[in-house]
Protein backbone atom coordinates (compact mmCIF):
# COMPACT_ATOMS: atom_id res chain seq x y z
CA MET A 1 -136.37 -202.54 -102.65
CA ASN A 2 -137.92 -199.33 -101.33
CA LEU A 3 -139.62 -197.05 -103.85
CA ILE A 4 -138.82 -193.34 -103.53
CA TYR A 5 -140.44 -190.45 -105.40
CA ILE A 6 -138.60 -187.15 -105.89
CA VAL A 7 -140.59 -183.99 -106.69
CA GLU A 8 -138.05 -181.37 -107.79
CA ASP A 9 -138.23 -178.96 -110.74
CA HIS A 10 -134.45 -178.43 -111.03
CA ASP A 11 -133.26 -181.11 -113.47
CA VAL A 12 -129.68 -181.28 -112.21
CA ILE A 13 -130.72 -181.67 -108.56
CA ARG A 14 -133.47 -184.18 -109.35
CA ASP A 15 -131.27 -186.36 -111.55
CA GLY A 16 -128.31 -186.15 -109.18
CA VAL A 17 -130.40 -187.23 -106.19
CA ARG A 18 -132.06 -189.98 -108.22
CA ARG A 19 -128.74 -191.46 -109.38
CA TYR A 20 -127.20 -191.33 -105.91
CA LEU A 21 -130.22 -193.03 -104.33
CA GLU A 22 -130.22 -195.70 -107.04
CA MET A 23 -126.55 -196.40 -106.34
CA SER A 24 -127.55 -196.82 -102.69
CA GLY A 25 -130.01 -199.56 -103.60
CA TYR A 26 -133.33 -197.71 -103.93
CA SER A 27 -135.86 -197.69 -106.74
CA VAL A 28 -136.46 -194.04 -107.65
CA LEU A 29 -138.82 -192.02 -109.84
CA GLY A 30 -138.46 -188.27 -110.35
CA PHE A 31 -141.11 -185.67 -111.22
CA GLU A 32 -140.61 -182.05 -112.19
CA ASN A 33 -144.03 -180.82 -111.06
CA LEU A 34 -146.83 -181.58 -108.65
CA GLU A 35 -149.34 -182.76 -111.24
CA LYS A 36 -147.12 -185.59 -112.47
CA ALA A 37 -146.35 -186.59 -108.88
CA ARG A 38 -150.05 -186.54 -108.00
CA GLN A 39 -150.84 -188.85 -110.91
CA ALA A 40 -148.08 -191.28 -109.95
CA ILE A 41 -149.13 -191.40 -106.29
CA SER A 42 -152.73 -192.11 -107.30
CA VAL A 43 -151.48 -195.21 -109.14
CA LYS A 44 -148.88 -196.38 -106.59
CA ALA A 45 -147.86 -194.77 -103.33
CA PRO A 46 -144.11 -194.61 -102.65
CA ASP A 47 -142.35 -195.86 -99.54
CA LEU A 48 -140.99 -192.33 -99.12
CA LEU A 49 -141.44 -188.95 -100.81
CA LEU A 50 -138.67 -186.36 -101.24
CA GLN A 51 -140.58 -183.12 -101.72
CA ASP A 52 -139.38 -179.72 -102.92
CA VAL A 53 -141.48 -176.76 -101.76
CA MET A 54 -141.26 -174.10 -104.47
CA LEU A 55 -142.53 -175.65 -107.70
CA PRO A 56 -143.84 -174.14 -110.96
CA ASP A 57 -147.37 -175.46 -110.50
CA GLY A 58 -147.86 -174.99 -106.77
CA ASP A 59 -146.56 -175.14 -103.22
CA GLY A 60 -145.02 -178.35 -101.90
CA PHE A 61 -146.35 -177.67 -98.40
CA ASP A 62 -149.91 -177.52 -99.74
CA PHE A 63 -149.31 -180.68 -101.76
CA VAL A 64 -148.19 -182.66 -98.71
CA SER A 65 -151.13 -181.31 -96.73
CA GLU A 66 -153.39 -182.62 -99.49
CA ILE A 67 -151.94 -186.14 -99.62
CA ARG A 68 -151.78 -186.40 -95.82
CA LYS A 69 -155.59 -186.42 -95.77
CA THR A 70 -155.59 -189.95 -97.22
CA MET A 71 -152.01 -191.32 -97.07
CA SER A 72 -149.34 -191.60 -94.38
CA PHE A 73 -146.11 -192.63 -96.13
CA PRO A 74 -143.05 -190.72 -94.85
CA VAL A 75 -142.09 -187.37 -96.38
CA ILE A 76 -138.78 -185.51 -96.35
CA PHE A 77 -138.92 -181.88 -97.43
CA MET A 78 -135.96 -180.89 -99.59
CA THR A 79 -135.94 -177.12 -100.09
CA ALA A 80 -134.05 -173.82 -100.17
CA ARG A 81 -136.42 -172.33 -97.58
CA ILE A 82 -134.19 -172.33 -94.52
CA GLY A 83 -136.21 -170.30 -91.99
CA GLU A 84 -137.21 -171.91 -88.71
CA GLU A 85 -140.87 -171.12 -89.32
CA ASP A 86 -140.68 -172.96 -92.65
CA ARG A 87 -139.21 -175.98 -90.85
CA ILE A 88 -141.94 -175.85 -88.23
CA ARG A 89 -144.62 -175.64 -90.90
CA GLY A 90 -143.14 -178.64 -92.70
CA PHE A 91 -143.35 -180.74 -89.55
CA GLU A 92 -146.81 -179.43 -88.68
CA LEU A 93 -147.97 -180.71 -92.07
CA GLY A 94 -146.66 -184.19 -91.29
CA GLY A 95 -143.12 -184.10 -92.64
CA ASP A 96 -140.73 -186.67 -91.18
CA ASP A 97 -137.61 -184.63 -91.90
CA TYR A 98 -136.57 -181.31 -93.47
CA ILE A 99 -133.28 -180.84 -95.31
CA THR A 100 -132.18 -177.49 -96.76
CA LYS A 101 -130.32 -176.78 -100.00
CA PRO A 102 -127.49 -177.01 -100.70
CA PHE A 103 -127.08 -180.40 -99.04
CA SER A 104 -124.73 -183.35 -99.08
CA LEU A 105 -126.02 -186.31 -101.08
CA LYS A 106 -124.44 -188.61 -98.52
CA GLU A 107 -126.34 -186.89 -95.72
CA LEU A 108 -129.58 -187.11 -97.70
CA VAL A 109 -129.14 -190.86 -98.16
CA LEU A 110 -128.45 -191.26 -94.43
CA ARG A 111 -131.62 -189.36 -93.59
CA VAL A 112 -133.66 -191.40 -96.08
CA GLY A 113 -132.32 -194.59 -94.54
CA ALA A 114 -133.07 -193.41 -91.00
CA VAL A 115 -136.68 -192.52 -91.81
CA LEU A 116 -137.31 -195.77 -93.67
CA ARG A 117 -135.66 -197.82 -90.94
CA ARG A 118 -137.87 -196.29 -88.28
CA THR A 119 -140.97 -196.87 -90.40
CA GLU A 120 -140.12 -200.48 -91.16
CA ASN A 121 -139.15 -201.33 -87.59
CA GLY A 122 -142.64 -200.47 -86.48
CA SER A 123 -144.37 -202.44 -89.22
CA LYS A 124 -142.38 -205.68 -88.92
CA ASP A 125 -142.66 -206.39 -85.21
CA VAL A 126 -145.30 -209.13 -85.33
CA ASP A 127 -144.62 -210.32 -81.77
CA ARG A 128 -146.41 -207.23 -80.46
CA PHE A 129 -149.25 -207.19 -82.95
CA ALA A 130 -151.67 -205.28 -80.76
CA GLU A 131 -151.45 -203.34 -77.52
CA SER A 132 -154.04 -201.15 -75.81
CA PHE A 133 -154.07 -198.34 -73.27
CA PHE A 134 -157.00 -196.67 -71.53
CA LEU A 135 -157.84 -193.16 -70.40
CA ASP A 136 -161.22 -192.16 -68.91
CA GLY A 137 -163.10 -194.77 -70.88
CA SER A 138 -161.26 -194.25 -74.18
CA ARG A 139 -159.09 -196.98 -75.66
CA LEU A 140 -155.89 -196.32 -77.62
CA SER A 141 -154.79 -199.39 -79.58
CA PHE A 142 -151.50 -199.97 -81.39
CA ASN A 143 -151.17 -202.35 -84.32
CA GLU A 144 -147.47 -202.60 -85.03
CA GLN A 145 -147.89 -204.91 -88.00
CA ALA A 146 -150.07 -202.32 -89.76
CA HIS A 147 -148.15 -199.41 -88.17
CA GLN A 148 -151.37 -197.83 -86.93
CA ALA A 149 -152.79 -196.33 -83.76
CA SER A 150 -156.53 -196.07 -83.26
CA VAL A 151 -158.75 -194.44 -80.65
CA ASP A 152 -161.96 -196.33 -79.92
CA GLY A 153 -161.55 -198.19 -83.20
CA LYS A 154 -160.91 -195.13 -85.39
CA ASP A 155 -157.52 -194.88 -87.08
CA SER A 156 -155.70 -191.73 -85.94
CA GLY A 157 -153.79 -191.25 -89.21
CA LEU A 158 -150.40 -190.71 -87.57
CA THR A 159 -147.37 -190.03 -89.75
CA ALA A 160 -144.26 -192.18 -89.37
CA ALA A 161 -142.58 -189.63 -87.09
CA GLU A 162 -145.71 -189.17 -84.97
CA TRP A 163 -146.06 -192.95 -84.63
CA ARG A 164 -142.48 -193.31 -83.40
CA ILE A 165 -142.90 -190.62 -80.75
CA LEU A 166 -146.23 -191.90 -79.45
CA LYS A 167 -145.03 -195.50 -79.36
CA TYR A 168 -141.83 -194.53 -77.57
CA LEU A 169 -143.81 -192.62 -74.93
CA SER A 170 -146.40 -195.36 -74.47
CA ASP A 171 -143.68 -197.99 -74.02
CA ARG A 172 -142.55 -195.88 -71.06
CA GLN A 173 -145.99 -195.13 -69.64
CA GLY A 174 -145.87 -193.01 -66.52
CA THR A 175 -142.22 -192.07 -67.10
CA VAL A 176 -141.19 -188.53 -67.98
CA VAL A 177 -139.24 -188.44 -71.26
CA SER A 178 -137.16 -185.40 -72.18
CA ARG A 179 -137.22 -183.71 -75.57
CA ASP A 180 -133.56 -184.59 -76.05
CA GLU A 181 -134.30 -188.28 -75.48
CA LEU A 182 -137.16 -188.21 -77.98
CA ILE A 183 -134.91 -186.53 -80.54
CA LYS A 184 -132.13 -189.08 -79.98
CA GLU A 185 -134.32 -192.18 -79.95
CA CYS A 186 -136.95 -191.26 -82.54
CA PHE A 187 -134.94 -189.33 -85.13
CA ASP A 188 -131.38 -190.77 -85.02
CA TYR A 189 -129.61 -187.67 -86.34
CA LEU A 190 -131.24 -184.51 -85.03
CA SER A 191 -129.76 -182.38 -82.24
CA GLY A 192 -131.21 -180.72 -79.17
CA SER A 193 -131.77 -177.53 -81.14
CA TYR A 194 -134.79 -179.25 -82.66
CA GLY A 195 -136.81 -179.14 -79.44
CA ARG A 196 -139.55 -177.11 -81.13
CA ILE A 197 -139.90 -179.85 -83.72
CA VAL A 198 -140.72 -182.34 -80.96
CA ASP A 199 -143.29 -179.91 -79.55
CA THR A 200 -144.86 -179.61 -83.00
CA HIS A 201 -145.14 -183.38 -83.36
CA ILE A 202 -146.70 -183.67 -79.90
CA LYS A 203 -149.25 -181.02 -80.86
CA ASN A 204 -150.13 -182.99 -84.00
CA ILE A 205 -150.41 -186.28 -82.10
CA ARG A 206 -152.73 -184.78 -79.49
CA ALA A 207 -154.98 -183.35 -82.19
CA LYS A 208 -155.19 -186.70 -83.99
CA LEU A 209 -155.92 -188.61 -80.78
CA GLY A 210 -158.73 -186.14 -80.04
CA ASP A 211 -157.72 -185.64 -76.40
CA ASN A 212 -154.70 -183.69 -75.14
CA ARG A 213 -154.65 -185.71 -71.93
CA TRP A 214 -153.06 -188.78 -73.54
CA ILE A 215 -149.72 -186.96 -73.41
CA GLU A 216 -148.92 -184.77 -70.41
CA THR A 217 -146.47 -181.86 -70.58
CA VAL A 218 -143.96 -181.85 -67.73
CA ARG A 219 -142.85 -178.25 -67.56
CA SER A 220 -139.14 -177.57 -68.22
CA PHE A 221 -138.44 -181.25 -68.92
CA GLY A 222 -140.52 -183.10 -71.46
CA TYR A 223 -143.55 -185.34 -71.81
CA ARG A 224 -145.25 -188.29 -70.11
CA PHE A 225 -147.75 -190.76 -71.57
CA ALA A 226 -150.85 -190.74 -69.36
CA GLY A 227 -152.65 -193.83 -70.66
CA SER A 228 -152.81 -196.98 -68.55
CA SER A 229 -152.51 -200.58 -69.66
CA GLU A 230 -155.19 -201.36 -67.08
CA VAL A 231 -158.87 -200.73 -67.85
CA ASP A 232 -160.26 -197.76 -65.90
CA ARG A 233 -162.25 -198.84 -62.88
């Protein structure tokens, strides 16, 4: 049973979301402020975090930025801040999804399930335990059992969404993949209007890999993974 934390200061929203998720088969804990959530995460990390942004003791964006320094469990922002720049910031900070209030509880549960499914699919594929690609002497290694990607032995710290995108591109090395295809295959439910979200994730992945050349931009179309499964000669 997946463990979900909800950080939301509005009692009615927090309790309503908690009950609906519990009826859907999840184990759920709710917190009305960041300090209580921080204490709980330090004891046991959740499988997924539902994070409000405007809270009485701080900013949810800053909180996620803080925990992303040491932890990579998926995060869905759940907030009344509906501006595109807010959405972009949420994804830049490592969010896996962003849902605005008011929202449908059914839709929220579908999004939670989609994010968890993508995360678990990567971690349970033991037949492809390790796979490596090379680029100008650097080695990018995937460990699907641990759901990690490392460059020259150093863990890149990818979020669940970043992992899905990079793995999808690397599985199609040398092939140009459109933004729409990445949205469809890596997010399940998002539409083409979220092209900037894909660009934001790519930017984050490149920064974490330490070399922009791993992923090439193909102007007016999409992206191509530049690593090779053959060692550079």
